[in-house]
Amino acid sequence: MKSPVKKLLESHKKLIHSEMMKVTSHVQREDKDKIWLINTVTIEGYDVPFRFKRKKQYHNLKGAYVNMTYYPIVENVGGFDMEIMTVVRIKKS
């Protein structure tokens, strides 16, 4: 039986899976419609923010090790193109 991660990676070729990544910062904020909480984490050794949405507040991940499945996107922020990782799946290691 295949794991959920392997199923995701096989069906979506652009996804990336990384394990044992240390979270250096975790911030949660409401979106403009106040429906979603946007979570942004930074990972040790990476210059790119990782983002995911949840309807409920997520426990603080600062200092934790996580396994993540994500894909890169380019977003225009203040007139600059910025690479951001959109997290599909996150789990504490």
PDB file of N, CA and C in Angstrom:
ATOM      1  N   MET A   1       0.838  -1.175   0.000  1.00  0.00           N
ATOM      2  CA  MET A   1       0.000   0.000   0.000  1.00  0.00           C
ATOM      3  C   MET A   1       0.890   1.248   0.000  1.00  0.00           C
ATOM      4  N   LYS A   2       0.579   2.190  -0.868  1.00  0.00           N
ATOM      5  CA  LYS A   2       1.369   3.409  -0.993  1.00  0.00           C
ATOM      6  C   LYS A   2       0.995   4.413   0.085  1.00  0.00           C
ATOM      7  N   SER A   3       1.996   5.174   0.515  1.00  0.00           N
ATOM      8  CA  SER A   3       1.738   6.208   1.515  1.00  0.00           C
ATOM      9  C   SER A   3       1.028   7.387   0.836  1.00  0.00           C
ATOM     10  N   PRO A   4       0.336   8.218   1.618  1.00  0.00           N
ATOM     11  CA  PRO A   4      -0.343   9.383   1.036  1.00  0.00           C
ATOM     12  C   PRO A   4       0.613  10.330   0.314  1.00  0.00           C
ATOM     13  N   VAL A   5       1.831  10.449   0.831  1.00  0.00           N
ATOM     14  CA  VAL A   5       2.820  11.336   0.203  1.00  0.00           C
ATOM     15  C   VAL A   5       3.204  10.808  -1.170  1.00  0.00           C
ATOM     16  N   LYS A   6       3.458   9.512  -1.269  1.00  0.00           N
ATOM     17  CA  LYS A   6       3.843   8.928  -2.565  1.00  0.00           C
ATOM     18  C   LYS A   6       2.724   9.058  -3.592  1.00  0.00           C
ATOM     19  N   LYS A   7       1.485   8.906  -3.144  1.00  0.00           N
ATOM     20  CA  LYS A   7       0.344   9.076  -4.050  1.00  0.00           C
ATOM     21  C   LYS A   7       0.287  10.502  -4.585  1.00  0.00           C
ATOM     22  N   LEU A   8       0.488  11.485  -3.681  1.00  0.00           N
ATOM     23  CA  LEU A   8       0.484  12.891  -4.105  1.00  0.00           C
ATOM     24  C   LEU A   8       1.595  13.172  -5.102  1.00  0.00           C
ATOM     25  N   LEU A   9       2.800  12.697  -4.799  1.00  0.00           N
ATOM     26  CA  LEU A   9       3.954  12.962  -5.661  1.00  0.00           C
ATOM     27  C   LEU A   9       3.797  12.324  -7.039  1.00  0.00           C
ATOM     28  N   GLU A  10       3.191  11.140  -7.101  1.00  0.00           N
ATOM     29  CA  GLU A  10       2.987  10.478  -8.384  1.00  0.00           C
ATOM     30  C   GLU A  10       1.940  11.180  -9.239  1.00  0.00           C
ATOM     31  N   SER A  11       0.899  11.711  -8.598  1.00  0.00           N
ATOM     32  CA  SER A  11      -0.174  12.340  -9.364  1.00  0.00           C
ATOM     33  C   SER A  11       0.107  13.804  -9.712  1.00  0.00           C
ATOM     34  N   HIS A  12       1.015  14.461  -8.983  1.00  0.00           N
ATOM     35  CA  HIS A  12       1.345  15.862  -9.226  1.00  0.00           C
ATOM     36  C   HIS A  12       2.866  15.988  -9.331  1.00  0.00           C
ATOM     37  N   LYS A  13       3.369  16.084 -10.530  1.00  0.00           N
ATOM     38  CA  LYS A  13       4.816  16.050 -10.785  1.00  0.00           C
ATOM     39  C   LYS A  13       5.577  17.258 -10.243  1.00  0.00           C
ATOM     40  N   LYS A  14       4.907  18.393 -10.024  1.00  0.00           N
ATOM     41  CA  LYS A  14       5.604  19.600  -9.564  1.00  0.00           C
ATOM     42  C   LYS A  14       5.763  19.658  -8.044  1.00  0.00           C
ATOM     43  N   LEU A  15       5.161  18.724  -7.328  1.00  0.00           N
ATOM     44  CA  LEU A  15       5.262  18.722  -5.872  1.00  0.00           C
ATOM     45  C   LEU A  15       6.651  18.291  -5.420  1.00  0.00           C
ATOM     46  N   ILE A  16       7.069  18.848  -4.303  1.00  0.00           N
ATOM     47  CA  ILE A  16       8.348  18.518  -3.681  1.00  0.00           C
ATOM     48  C   ILE A  16       8.056  18.069  -2.258  1.00  0.00           C
ATOM     49  N   HIS A  17       8.729  17.016  -1.812  1.00  0.00           N
ATOM     50  CA  HIS A  17       8.554  16.550  -0.437  1.00  0.00           C
ATOM     51  C   HIS A  17       9.888  16.623   0.285  1.00  0.00           C
ATOM     52  N   SER A  18       9.889  17.233   1.469  1.00  0.00           N
ATOM     53  CA  SER A  18      11.095  17.342   2.287  1.00  0.00           C
ATOM     54  C   SER A  18      10.764  16.905   3.702  1.00  0.00           C
ATOM     55  N   GLU A  19      11.742  16.271   4.346  1.00  0.00           N
ATOM     56  CA  GLU A  19      11.546  15.781   5.705  1.00  0.00           C
ATOM     57  C   GLU A  19      12.568  16.384   6.653  1.00  0.00           C
ATOM     58  N   MET A  20      12.210  16.414   7.933  1.00  0.00           N
ATOM     59  CA  MET A  20      13.075  16.898   9.008  1.00  0.00           C
ATOM     60  C   MET A  20      13.601  18.311   8.750  1.00  0.00           C
ATOM     61  N   MET A  21      12.705  19.218   8.401  1.00  0.00           N
ATOM     62  CA  MET A  21      13.051  20.620   8.170  1.00  0.00           C
ATOM     63  C   MET A  21      12.757  21.392   9.457  1.00  0.00           C
ATOM     64  N   LYS A  22      13.735  22.182   9.924  1.00  0.00           N
ATOM     65  CA  LYS A  22      13.560  22.911  11.174  1.00  0.00           C
ATOM     66  C   LYS A  22      12.916  24.270  10.911  1.00  0.00           C
ATOM     67  N   VAL A  23      11.816  24.534  11.614  1.00  0.00           N
ATOM     68  CA  VAL A  23      11.079  25.792  11.487  1.00  0.00           C
ATOM     69  C   VAL A  23      11.755  26.850  12.358  1.00  0.00           C
ATOM     70  N   THR A  24      12.122  27.977  11.740  1.00  0.00           N
ATOM     71  CA  THR A  24      12.751  29.062  12.501  1.00  0.00           C
ATOM     72  C   THR A  24      11.747  30.147  12.886  1.00  0.00           C
ATOM     73  N   SER A  25      10.647  30.266  12.128  1.00  0.00           N
ATOM     74  CA  SER A  25       9.634  31.278  12.424  1.00  0.00           C
ATOM     75  C   SER A  25       8.275  30.780  11.940  1.00  0.00           C
ATOM     76  N   HIS A  26       7.225  31.109  12.702  1.00  0.00           N
ATOM     77  CA  HIS A  26       5.863  30.731  12.323  1.00  0.00           C
ATOM     78  C   HIS A  26       4.933  31.881  12.684  1.00  0.00           C
ATOM     79  N   VAL A  27       4.229  32.416  11.663  1.00  0.00           N
ATOM     80  CA  VAL A  27       3.314  33.537  11.850  1.00  0.00           C
ATOM     81  C   VAL A  27       1.952  33.157  11.289  1.00  0.00           C
ATOM     82  N   GLN A  28       0.875  33.519  12.014  1.00  0.00           N
ATOM     83  CA  GLN A  28      -0.483  33.284  11.547  1.00  0.00           C
ATOM     84  C   GLN A  28      -1.204  34.626  11.463  1.00  0.00           C
ATOM     85  N   ARG A  29      -1.936  34.824  10.369  1.00  0.00           N
ATOM     86  CA  ARG A  29      -2.718  36.050  10.225  1.00  0.00           C
ATOM     87  C   ARG A  29      -3.988  35.743   9.447  1.00  0.00           C
ATOM     88  N   GLU A  30      -5.014  36.570   9.674  1.00  0.00           N
ATOM     89  CA  GLU A  30      -6.275  36.381   8.959  1.00  0.00           C
ATOM     90  C   GLU A  30      -6.158  36.936   7.551  1.00  0.00           C
ATOM     91  N   ASP A  31      -6.858  36.307   6.605  1.00  0.00           N
ATOM     92  CA  ASP A  31      -6.905  36.875   5.253  1.00  0.00           C
ATOM     93  C   ASP A  31      -7.911  38.015   5.244  1.00  0.00           C
ATOM     94  N   LYS A  32      -8.014  38.682   4.113  1.00  0.00           N
ATOM     95  CA  LYS A  32      -8.872  39.871   4.048  1.00  0.00           C
ATOM     96  C   LYS A  32     -10.346  39.566   4.275  1.00  0.00           C
ATOM     97  N   ASP A  33     -10.792  38.353   3.974  1.00  0.00           N
ATOM     98  CA  ASP A  33     -12.194  37.981   4.170  1.00  0.00           C
ATOM     99  C   ASP A  33     -12.464  37.408   5.559  1.00  0.00           C
ATOM    100  N   LYS A  34     -11.408  37.214   6.347  1.00  0.00           N
ATOM    101  CA  LYS A  34     -11.485  36.667   7.703  1.00  0.00           C
ATOM    102  C   LYS A  34     -12.110  35.274   7.737  1.00  0.00           C
ATOM    103  N   ILE A  35     -11.916  34.526   6.675  1.00  0.00           N
ATOM    104  CA  ILE A  35     -12.392  33.150   6.621  1.00  0.00           C
ATOM    105  C   ILE A  35     -11.233  32.196   6.913  1.00  0.00           C
ATOM    106  N   TRP A  36     -10.086  32.509   6.349  1.00  0.00           N
ATOM    107  CA  TRP A  36      -8.906  31.654   6.462  1.00  0.00           C
ATOM    108  C   TRP A  36      -7.855  32.292   7.359  1.00  0.00           C
ATOM    109  N   LEU A  37      -7.041  31.457   7.980  1.00  0.00           N
ATOM    110  CA  LEU A  37      -5.824  31.901   8.649  1.00  0.00           C
ATOM    111  C   LEU A  37      -4.668  31.515   7.747  1.00  0.00           C
ATOM    112  N   ILE A  38      -3.863  32.479   7.371  1.00  0.00           N
ATOM    113  CA  ILE A  38      -2.714  32.218   6.515  1.00  0.00           C
ATOM    114  C   ILE A  38      -1.506  32.015   7.421  1.00  0.00           C
ATOM    115  N   ASN A  39      -0.901  30.856   7.324  1.00  0.00           N
ATOM    116  CA  ASN A  39       0.264  30.509   8.114  1.00  0.00           C
ATOM    117  C   ASN A  39       1.498  30.643   7.241  1.00  0.00           C
ATOM    118  N   THR A  40       2.506  31.323   7.734  1.00  0.00           N
ATOM    119  CA  THR A  40       3.770  31.470   7.028  1.00  0.00           C
ATOM    120  C   THR A  40       4.872  30.941   7.929  1.00  0.00           C
ATOM    121  N   VAL A  41       5.651  30.000   7.406  1.00  0.00           N
ATOM    122  CA  VAL A  41       6.785  29.474   8.159  1.00  0.00           C
ATOM    123  C   VAL A  41       8.061  29.710   7.362  1.00  0.00           C
ATOM    124  N   THR A  42       9.137  29.953   8.090  1.00  0.00           N
ATOM    125  CA  THR A  42      10.448  30.011   7.454  1.00  0.00           C
ATOM    126  C   THR A  42      11.231  28.814   7.960  1.00  0.00           C
ATOM    127  N   ILE A  43      12.058  28.282   7.087  1.00  0.00           N
ATOM    128  CA  ILE A  43      12.795  27.057   7.351  1.00  0.00           C
ATOM    129  C   ILE A  43      14.283  27.361   7.384  1.00  0.00           C
ATOM    130  N   GLU A  44      14.963  26.751   8.322  1.00  0.00           N
ATOM    131  CA  GLU A  44      16.409  26.936   8.463  1.00  0.00           C
ATOM    132  C   GLU A  44      17.118  26.528   7.166  1.00  0.00           C
ATOM    133  N   GLY A  45      17.938  27.442   6.631  1.00  0.00           N
ATOM    134  CA  GLY A  45      18.691  27.165   5.415  1.00  0.00           C
ATOM    135  C   GLY A  45      17.980  27.555   4.133  1.00  0.00           C
ATOM    136  N   TYR A  46      16.740  28.066   4.214  1.00  0.00           N
ATOM    137  CA  TYR A  46      15.969  28.476   3.044  1.00  0.00           C
ATOM    138  C   TYR A  46      15.657  29.967   3.148  1.00  0.00           C
ATOM    139  N   ASP A  47      15.695  30.666   2.008  1.00  0.00           N
ATOM    140  CA  ASP A  47      15.381  32.098   1.973  1.00  0.00           C
ATOM    141  C   ASP A  47      13.953  32.359   1.511  1.00  0.00           C
ATOM    142  N   VAL A  48      13.185  31.324   1.335  1.00  0.00           N
ATOM    143  CA  VAL A  48      11.842  31.419   0.758  1.00  0.00           C
ATOM    144  C   VAL A  48      10.799  31.121   1.834  1.00  0.00           C
ATOM    145  N   PRO A  49       9.720  31.926   1.916  1.00  0.00           N
ATOM    146  CA  PRO A  49       8.653  31.607   2.874  1.00  0.00           C
ATOM    147  C   PRO A  49       7.790  30.445   2.375  1.00  0.00           C
ATOM    148  N   PHE A  50       7.292  29.672   3.307  1.00  0.00           N
ATOM    149  CA  PHE A  50       6.381  28.559   3.020  1.00  0.00           C
ATOM    150  C   PHE A  50       5.036  28.944   3.602  1.00  0.00           C
ATOM    151  N   ARG A  51       3.974  28.867   2.779  1.00  0.00           N
ATOM    152  CA  ARG A  51       2.646  29.302   3.230  1.00  0.00           C
ATOM    153  C   ARG A  51       1.609  28.203   3.091  1.00  0.00           C
ATOM    154  N   PHE A  52       0.667  28.196   4.045  1.00  0.00           N
ATOM    155  CA  PHE A  52      -0.493  27.317   3.949  1.00  0.00           C
ATOM    156  C   PHE A  52      -1.662  27.970   4.654  1.00  0.00           C
ATOM    157  N   LYS A  53      -2.881  27.544   4.291  1.00  0.00           N
ATOM    158  CA  LYS A  53      -4.106  28.109   4.872  1.00  0.00           C
ATOM    159  C   LYS A  53      -4.804  27.063   5.726  1.00  0.00           C
ATOM    160  N   ARG A  54      -5.454  27.556   6.774  1.00  0.00           N
ATOM    161  CA  ARG A  54      -6.290  26.704   7.622  1.00  0.00           C
ATOM    162  C   ARG A  54      -7.486  27.527   8.091  1.00  0.00           C
ATOM    163  N   LYS A  55      -8.570  26.864   8.403  1.00  0.00           N
ATOM    164  CA  LYS A  55      -9.741  27.570   8.926  1.00  0.00           C
ATOM    165  C   LYS A  55      -9.610  27.817  10.423  1.00  0.00           C
ATOM    166  N   LYS A  56      -8.877  26.943  11.115  1.00  0.00           N
ATOM    167  CA  LYS A  56      -8.672  27.096  12.557  1.00  0.00           C
ATOM    168  C   LYS A  56      -7.206  27.394  12.836  1.00  0.00           C
ATOM    169  N   GLN A  57      -6.962  27.950  14.006  1.00  0.00           N
ATOM    170  CA  GLN A  57      -5.598  28.284  14.388  1.00  0.00           C
ATOM    171  C   GLN A  57      -4.760  27.013  14.531  1.00  0.00           C
ATOM    172  N   TYR A  58      -3.507  27.086  14.090  1.00  0.00           N
ATOM    173  CA  TYR A  58      -2.586  25.961  14.127  1.00  0.00           C
ATOM    174  C   TYR A  58      -1.620  26.168  15.284  1.00  0.00           C
ATOM    175  N   HIS A  59      -1.174  25.085  15.926  1.00  0.00           N
ATOM    176  CA  HIS A  59      -0.232  25.235  17.034  1.00  0.00           C
ATOM    177  C   HIS A  59       1.092  25.803  16.524  1.00  0.00           C
ATOM    178  N   ASN A  60       1.807  26.486  17.410  1.00  0.00           N
ATOM    179  CA  ASN A  60       3.056  27.153  17.029  1.00  0.00           C
ATOM    180  C   ASN A  60       4.114  26.116  16.657  1.00  0.00           C
ATOM    181  N   LEU A  61       4.720  26.281  15.502  1.00  0.00           N
ATOM    182  CA  LEU A  61       5.713  25.339  15.001  1.00  0.00           C
ATOM    183  C   LEU A  61       7.147  25.816  15.188  1.00  0.00           C
ATOM    184  N   LYS A  62       7.347  26.974  15.775  1.00  0.00           N
ATOM    185  CA  LYS A  62       8.706  27.512  15.916  1.00  0.00           C
ATOM    186  C   LYS A  62       9.590  26.532  16.682  1.00  0.00           C
ATOM    187  N   GLY A  63      10.718  26.180  16.063  1.00  0.00           N
ATOM    188  CA  GLY A  63      11.663  25.247  16.666  1.00  0.00           C
ATOM    189  C   GLY A  63      11.370  23.786  16.384  1.00  0.00           C
ATOM    190  N   ALA A  64      10.227  23.487  15.808  1.00  0.00           N
ATOM    191  CA  ALA A  64       9.843  22.100  15.529  1.00  0.00           C
ATOM    192  C   ALA A  64      10.446  21.621  14.207  1.00  0.00           C
ATOM    193  N   TYR A  65      10.547  20.316  14.075  1.00  0.00           N
ATOM    194  CA  TYR A  65      10.951  19.703  12.816  1.00  0.00           C
ATOM    195  C   TYR A  65       9.697  19.196  12.127  1.00  0.00           C
ATOM    196  N   VAL A  66       9.580  19.511  10.831  1.00  0.00           N
ATOM    197  CA  VAL A  66       8.371  19.145  10.088  1.00  0.00           C
ATOM    198  C   VAL A  66       8.721  18.433   8.783  1.00  0.00           C
ATOM    199  N   ASN A  67       7.762  17.655   8.310  1.00  0.00           N
ATOM    200  CA  ASN A  67       7.798  17.069   6.973  1.00  0.00           C
ATOM    201  C   ASN A  67       6.774  17.852   6.153  1.00  0.00           C
ATOM    202  N   MET A  68       7.169  18.319   4.964  1.00  0.00           N
ATOM    203  CA  MET A  68       6.267  19.128   4.154  1.00  0.00           C
ATOM    204  C   MET A  68       6.255  18.656   2.712  1.00  0.00           C
ATOM    205  N   THR A  69       5.090  18.780   2.106  1.00  0.00           N
ATOM    206  CA  THR A  69       4.923  18.594   0.679  1.00  0.00           C
ATOM    207  C   THR A  69       4.453  19.935   0.146  1.00  0.00           C
ATOM    208  N   TYR A  70       5.144  20.469  -0.869  1.00  0.00           N
ATOM    209  CA  TYR A  70       4.897  21.829  -1.318  1.00  0.00           C
ATOM    210  C   TYR A  70       5.255  21.979  -2.794  1.00  0.00           C
ATOM    211  N   TYR A  71       4.874  23.117  -3.362  1.00  0.00           N
ATOM    212  CA  TYR A  71       5.270  23.452  -4.726  1.00  0.00           C
ATOM    213  C   TYR A  71       5.561  24.947  -4.803  1.00  0.00           C
ATOM    214  N   PRO A  72       6.508  25.339  -5.668  1.00  0.00           N
ATOM    215  CA  PRO A  72       6.871  26.756  -5.774  1.00  0.00           C
ATOM    216  C   PRO A  72       5.916  27.522  -6.676  1.00  0.00           C
ATOM    217  N   ILE A  73       5.656  28.777  -6.311  1.00  0.00           N
ATOM    218  CA  ILE A  73       4.916  29.708  -7.162  1.00  0.00           C
ATOM    219  C   ILE A  73       5.652  31.037  -7.147  1.00  0.00           C
ATOM    220  N   VAL A  74       5.383  31.872  -8.131  1.00  0.00           N
ATOM    221  CA  VAL A  74       5.943  33.219  -8.161  1.00  0.00           C
ATOM    222  C   VAL A  74       4.787  34.187  -7.968  1.00  0.00           C
ATOM    223  N   GLU A  75       4.933  35.077  -6.978  1.00  0.00           N
ATOM    224  CA  GLU A  75       3.878  36.029  -6.653  1.00  0.00           C
ATOM    225  C   GLU A  75       4.463  37.442  -6.745  1.00  0.00           C
ATOM    226  N   ASN A  76       3.666  38.367  -7.250  1.00  0.00           N
ATOM    227  CA  ASN A  76       4.102  39.746  -7.354  1.00  0.00           C
ATOM    228  C   ASN A  76       3.747  40.466  -6.060  1.00  0.00           C
ATOM    229  N   VAL A  77       4.778  40.897  -5.310  1.00  0.00           N
ATOM    230  CA  VAL A  77       4.573  41.582  -4.040  1.00  0.00           C
ATOM    231  C   VAL A  77       5.226  42.954  -4.134  1.00  0.00           C
ATOM    232  N   GLY A  78       4.425  44.002  -4.122  1.00  0.00           N
ATOM    233  CA  GLY A  78       4.952  45.368  -4.180  1.00  0.00           C
ATOM    234  C   GLY A  78       5.752  45.656  -5.437  1.00  0.00           C
ATOM    235  N   GLY A  79       5.359  45.051  -6.552  1.00  0.00           N
ATOM    236  CA  GLY A  79       6.048  45.285  -7.810  1.00  0.00           C
ATOM    237  C   GLY A  79       7.245  44.378  -8.049  1.00  0.00           C
ATOM    238  N   PHE A  80       7.544  43.497  -7.085  1.00  0.00           N
ATOM    239  CA  PHE A  80       8.659  42.565  -7.229  1.00  0.00           C
ATOM    240  C   PHE A  80       8.124  41.145  -7.338  1.00  0.00           C
ATOM    241  N   ASP A  81       8.719  40.364  -8.230  1.00  0.00           N
ATOM    242  CA  ASP A  81       8.376  38.950  -8.304  1.00  0.00           C
ATOM    243  C   ASP A  81       9.119  38.222  -7.196  1.00  0.00           C
ATOM    244  N   MET A  82       8.375  37.448  -6.411  1.00  0.00           N
ATOM    245  CA  MET A  82       8.941  36.759  -5.257  1.00  0.00           C
ATOM    246  C   MET A  82       8.517  35.302  -5.291  1.00  0.00           C
ATOM    247  N   GLU A  83       9.464  34.399  -5.093  1.00  0.00           N
ATOM    248  CA  GLU A  83       9.135  32.982  -5.060  1.00  0.00           C
ATOM    249  C   GLU A  83       8.611  32.623  -3.674  1.00  0.00           C
ATOM    250  N   ILE A  84       7.499  31.898  -3.649  1.00  0.00           N
ATOM    251  CA  ILE A  84       6.858  31.462  -2.415  1.00  0.00           C
ATOM    252  C   ILE A  84       6.514  29.990  -2.569  1.00  0.00           C
ATOM    253  N   MET A  85       6.690  29.239  -1.506  1.00  0.00           N
ATOM    254  CA  MET A  85       6.331  27.823  -1.524  1.00  0.00           C
ATOM    255  C   MET A  85       4.942  27.661  -0.938  1.00  0.00           C
ATOM    256  N   THR A  86       4.062  27.035  -1.682  1.00  0.00           N
ATOM    257  CA  THR A  86       2.702  26.762  -1.207  1.00  0.00           C
ATOM    258  C   THR A  86       2.669  25.343  -0.658  1.00  0.00           C
ATOM    259  N   VAL A  87       2.377  25.228   0.618  1.00  0.00           N
ATOM    260  CA  VAL A  87       2.396  23.937   1.314  1.00  0.00           C
ATOM    261  C   VAL A  87       1.070  23.228   1.099  1.00  0.00           C
ATOM    262  N   VAL A  88       1.154  21.978   0.678  1.00  0.00           N
ATOM    263  CA  VAL A  88      -0.014  21.141   0.463  1.00  0.00           C
ATOM    264  C   VAL A  88      -0.251  20.265   1.700  1.00  0.00           C
ATOM    265  N   ARG A  89       0.842  19.842   2.308  1.00  0.00           N
ATOM    266  CA  ARG A  89       0.757  18.934   3.460  1.00  0.00           C
ATOM    267  C   ARG A  89       1.900  19.265   4.413  1.00  0.00           C
ATOM    268  N   ILE A  90       1.588  19.410   5.692  1.00  0.00           N
ATOM    269  CA  ILE A  90       2.620  19.662   6.707  1.00  0.00           C
ATOM    270  C   ILE A  90       2.316  18.785   7.911  1.00  0.00           C
ATOM    271  N   LYS A  91       3.371  18.208   8.463  1.00  0.00           N
ATOM    272  CA  LYS A  91       3.206  17.313   9.607  1.00  0.00           C
ATOM    273  C   LYS A  91       4.464  17.381  10.463  1.00  0.00           C
ATOM    274  N   LYS A  92       4.289  17.417  11.781  1.00  0.00           N
ATOM    275  CA  LYS A  92       5.450  17.400  12.670  1.00  0.00           C
ATOM    276  C   LYS A  92       6.177  16.078  12.544  1.00  0.00           C
ATOM    277  N   SER A  93       7.518  16.146  12.540  1.00  0.00           N
ATOM    278  CA  SER A  93       8.340  14.931  12.442  1.00  0.00           C
ATOM    279  C   SER A  93       8.394  14.208  13.758  1.00  0.00           C
TER     280      SER A  93
END
